[in-house]
Protein backbone atom coordinates (compact mmCIF):
# COMPACT_ATOMS: atom_id res chain seq x y z
CA MET A 1 43.32 97.10 101.20
CA SER A 2 41.55 94.68 98.88
CA LYS A 3 38.62 95.69 96.68
CA ARG A 4 36.30 93.71 98.92
CA GLU A 5 37.54 95.57 102.01
CA GLN A 6 37.17 98.90 100.17
CA LYS A 7 33.55 98.10 99.31
CA THR A 8 32.85 97.22 102.92
CA VAL A 9 34.34 100.50 104.15
CA LYS A 10 32.46 102.42 101.47
CA ALA A 11 29.17 100.72 102.33
CA ILE A 12 29.67 101.42 106.02
CA ASN A 13 30.48 105.06 105.25
CA GLU A 14 27.39 105.39 103.06
CA THR A 15 25.25 103.88 105.81
CA ASP A 16 26.83 106.18 108.39
CA VAL A 17 26.39 109.20 106.12
CA GLY A 18 22.72 108.30 105.64
CA LYS A 19 22.16 108.07 109.39
CA ILE A 20 24.04 111.32 110.01
CA TYR A 21 22.04 112.98 107.23
CA GLU A 22 18.73 111.92 108.78
CA GLU A 23 19.82 113.14 112.19
CA HIS A 24 21.28 116.54 111.23
CA GLN A 25 19.89 117.66 107.87
CA ALA A 26 16.85 119.63 109.06
CA GLU A 27 18.73 121.71 111.62
CA LEU A 28 21.71 122.20 109.31
CA LYS A 29 19.45 123.25 106.43
CA GLY A 30 17.84 125.89 108.66
CA PHE A 31 21.28 127.15 109.68
CA ILE A 32 22.37 127.44 106.05
CA SER A 33 19.07 128.96 104.83
CA ARG A 34 19.36 131.86 107.25
CA ARG A 35 22.77 132.76 105.84
CA VAL A 36 22.33 132.60 102.08
CA SER A 37 20.09 134.53 99.73
CA PHE A 38 18.53 131.75 97.69
CA LYS A 39 16.84 128.48 98.58
CA GLU A 40 18.68 126.71 95.76
CA ASP A 41 22.04 127.81 97.19
CA ALA A 42 21.07 126.49 100.61
CA GLU A 43 20.15 123.11 99.11
CA ASP A 44 23.41 122.97 97.11
CA ILE A 45 25.47 123.78 100.19
CA LEU A 46 23.64 121.16 102.25
CA GLN A 47 24.33 118.54 99.58
CA ASN A 48 27.99 119.58 99.39
CA VAL A 49 28.40 119.22 103.15
CA PHE A 50 27.19 115.63 103.09
CA TYR A 51 29.10 114.90 99.89
CA ASN A 52 32.28 116.07 101.66
CA LEU A 53 31.40 113.82 104.59
CA SER A 54 30.95 110.84 102.28
CA LYS A 55 34.39 111.48 100.73
CA THR A 56 36.15 111.82 104.10
CA ASP A 57 38.31 108.86 105.05
CA LEU A 58 37.26 108.45 108.66
CA ASP A 59 40.17 106.10 109.33
CA GLU A 60 42.75 108.71 108.29
CA ASN A 61 40.77 111.78 109.43
CA PRO A 62 38.53 110.79 112.33
CA ILE A 63 35.78 113.25 113.21
CA GLU A 64 35.38 113.63 116.95
CA GLN A 65 32.30 115.89 116.98
CA ILE A 66 30.21 115.28 113.87
CA SER A 67 27.88 118.22 114.54
CA SER A 68 30.76 120.67 114.85
CA TRP A 69 32.36 119.26 111.71
CA LEU A 70 29.13 119.61 109.72
CA TYR A 71 28.61 123.23 110.80
CA SER A 72 32.23 124.08 110.09
CA VAL A 73 32.01 122.67 106.57
CA ALA A 74 28.70 124.47 106.05
CA ARG A 75 30.20 127.81 107.15
CA ASN A 76 33.14 127.32 104.81
CA GLN A 77 30.79 126.46 101.95
CA ILE A 78 28.71 129.59 102.66
CA ILE A 79 31.80 131.80 102.69
CA ASP A 80 33.21 130.22 99.52
CA ARG A 81 29.93 130.60 97.68
CA SER A 82 29.63 134.18 98.82
CA ARG A 83 33.11 135.00 97.58
CA LYS A 84 32.60 133.28 94.25
CA LYS A 85 29.33 135.02 93.49
CA LYS A 86 30.32 138.32 95.11
CA GLU A 87 27.03 138.15 96.99
CA LYS A 88 26.66 139.49 100.44
CA LEU A 89 25.46 137.07 103.03
CA ILE A 90 22.08 137.67 104.59
CA LEU A 91 24.00 138.35 107.77
CA ASP A 92 25.59 141.40 106.11
CA ASP A 93 22.57 142.51 104.10
CA LYS A 94 19.80 142.09 106.61
CA ALA A 95 21.41 142.02 110.04
CA ASP A 96 20.29 145.64 110.34
CA SER A 97 16.83 144.43 111.18
CA ASP A 98 16.24 143.98 114.89
CA ASP A 99 14.19 140.86 114.27
CA GLU A 100 17.02 139.01 112.49
CA PHE A 101 19.57 139.80 115.18
CA LEU A 102 17.21 138.96 118.03
CA SER A 103 16.04 135.80 116.29
CA ASP A 104 19.60 134.51 115.87
CA ILE A 105 20.54 135.28 119.47
CA SER A 106 17.29 133.76 120.72
CA GLU A 107 17.88 130.63 118.65
CA ILE A 108 21.28 130.14 120.23
CA LEU A 109 19.98 130.70 123.75
CA THR A 110 16.97 128.42 123.38
CA SER A 111 18.57 125.59 121.42
CA THR A 112 17.66 122.18 122.80
CA ASN A 113 20.74 120.60 121.25
CA ASP A 114 22.67 119.47 124.35
CA THR A 115 26.03 118.89 122.72
CA PRO A 116 29.02 120.19 124.67
CA GLU A 117 29.70 122.88 122.06
CA THR A 118 26.09 124.12 122.17
CA VAL A 119 26.07 124.24 125.97
CA TYR A 120 29.37 126.13 125.94
CA LEU A 121 28.11 128.51 123.25
CA GLN A 122 24.92 129.20 125.21
CA SER A 123 26.83 129.96 128.41
CA LEU A 124 29.15 132.28 126.49
CA VAL A 125 26.25 134.16 124.88
CA TRP A 126 24.37 134.42 128.21
CA GLU A 127 27.49 135.80 129.89
CA GLU A 128 28.04 138.42 127.17
CA LEU A 129 24.34 139.29 127.02
CA ASP A 130 24.16 139.81 130.80
CA ALA A 131 27.23 142.05 130.71
CA ALA A 132 25.78 144.05 127.80
CA LEU A 133 22.40 144.41 129.52
CA ASP A 134 24.14 145.70 132.66
CA GLU A 135 25.57 148.55 130.59
CA LEU A 136 22.13 149.77 129.49
CA PRO A 137 20.18 152.54 131.21
CA GLU A 138 17.53 150.96 133.47
CA GLU A 139 14.57 152.04 131.26
CA GLN A 140 16.08 150.42 128.16
CA ARG A 141 17.10 147.26 129.97
CA THR A 142 13.65 146.87 131.53
CA VAL A 143 11.72 147.21 128.28
CA PHE A 144 14.11 144.84 126.50
CA GLU A 145 13.82 142.20 129.22
CA LEU A 146 10.04 142.54 129.44
CA THR A 147 9.49 142.18 125.69
CA GLU A 148 12.23 139.72 124.72
CA MET A 149 12.71 137.59 127.81
CA GLN A 150 9.33 137.66 129.46
CA GLY A 151 7.12 137.96 126.39
CA PHE A 152 5.10 141.06 127.29
CA SER A 153 3.73 143.22 124.49
CA PHE A 154 4.39 146.95 124.33
CA LYS A 155 0.69 147.52 124.90
CA GLU A 156 0.69 145.43 128.09
CA ILE A 157 3.74 147.28 129.43
CA SER A 158 2.22 150.62 128.52
CA GLU A 159 -1.04 149.81 130.29
CA SER A 160 0.72 148.73 133.48
CA THR A 161 3.30 151.54 133.60
CA GLY A 162 1.52 154.43 131.90
CA ILE A 163 4.50 154.92 129.54
CA PRO A 164 3.41 155.55 125.93
CA VAL A 165 3.97 152.67 123.51
CA ASN A 166 6.12 154.85 121.22
CA THR A 167 8.44 155.65 124.12
CA LEU A 168 8.76 151.95 124.93
CA ILE A 169 9.50 151.12 121.30
CA SER A 170 12.15 153.83 121.20
CA ARG A 171 13.78 152.55 124.40
CA LYS A 172 13.88 149.02 123.07
CA ARG A 173 15.35 150.21 119.80
CA TYR A 174 18.21 151.92 121.65
CA ALA A 175 18.73 148.77 123.72
CA VAL A 176 18.91 146.58 120.61
CA LEU A 177 21.34 148.96 118.90
CA HIS A 178 23.61 148.82 121.96
CA LEU A 179 23.34 145.04 122.24
CA ARG A 180 24.02 144.54 118.54
CA GLU A 181 27.14 146.69 118.75
CA ARG A 182 28.28 145.11 122.00
CA LEU A 183 27.69 141.53 120.81
CA LYS A 184 28.83 142.11 117.22
CA ASP A 185 32.22 140.39 117.56
CA LEU A 186 30.82 137.39 119.39
CA TYR A 187 27.94 137.14 116.88
CA GLU A 188 30.35 137.16 113.93
CA ASP A 189 32.63 134.63 115.64
CA ILE A 190 29.68 132.29 116.07
CA ILE A 191 28.48 132.70 112.49
CA TYR A 192 31.89 132.41 110.82
CA SER A 193 33.74 130.03 113.11
């Protein structure tokens, strides 16, 4: 390939990388930020992902699903950085909080990204969530569904059922503990795959 042809390919790649960056950077940055401890690390990883993209020879190594490729590179960067610094990922450090777990699951289920991999992932999570909810005692399942899926507050549920708020909170806590344990493998596969 002549120098002129190389410049053309490089310019096209830079243009393509710029367009891909504009299209995916905000969502990818959010994905990375939830999994690393420091904002600076998230920004470094994001830059490295797009640097890797710019250095990829698309003629020799075509990328069929750019979104999947970006997330895969980001996950690998997160894992590498974690190993190098001996830091624990936020997933390990803070996944004990109900809000973090529920937020991540909710994000997957409500994503508006209609790529085939997202649609598949959503159907997989819904299937596993339904199966896990079926295993719960009725009281726990009901309070979980009312608060997380239908948006009712504990106070509203308490007023309509006469069940004390603390009892409802306790039931939901048991439901979340069961769901976290039951969905743990799937959750980790999604985060690290």
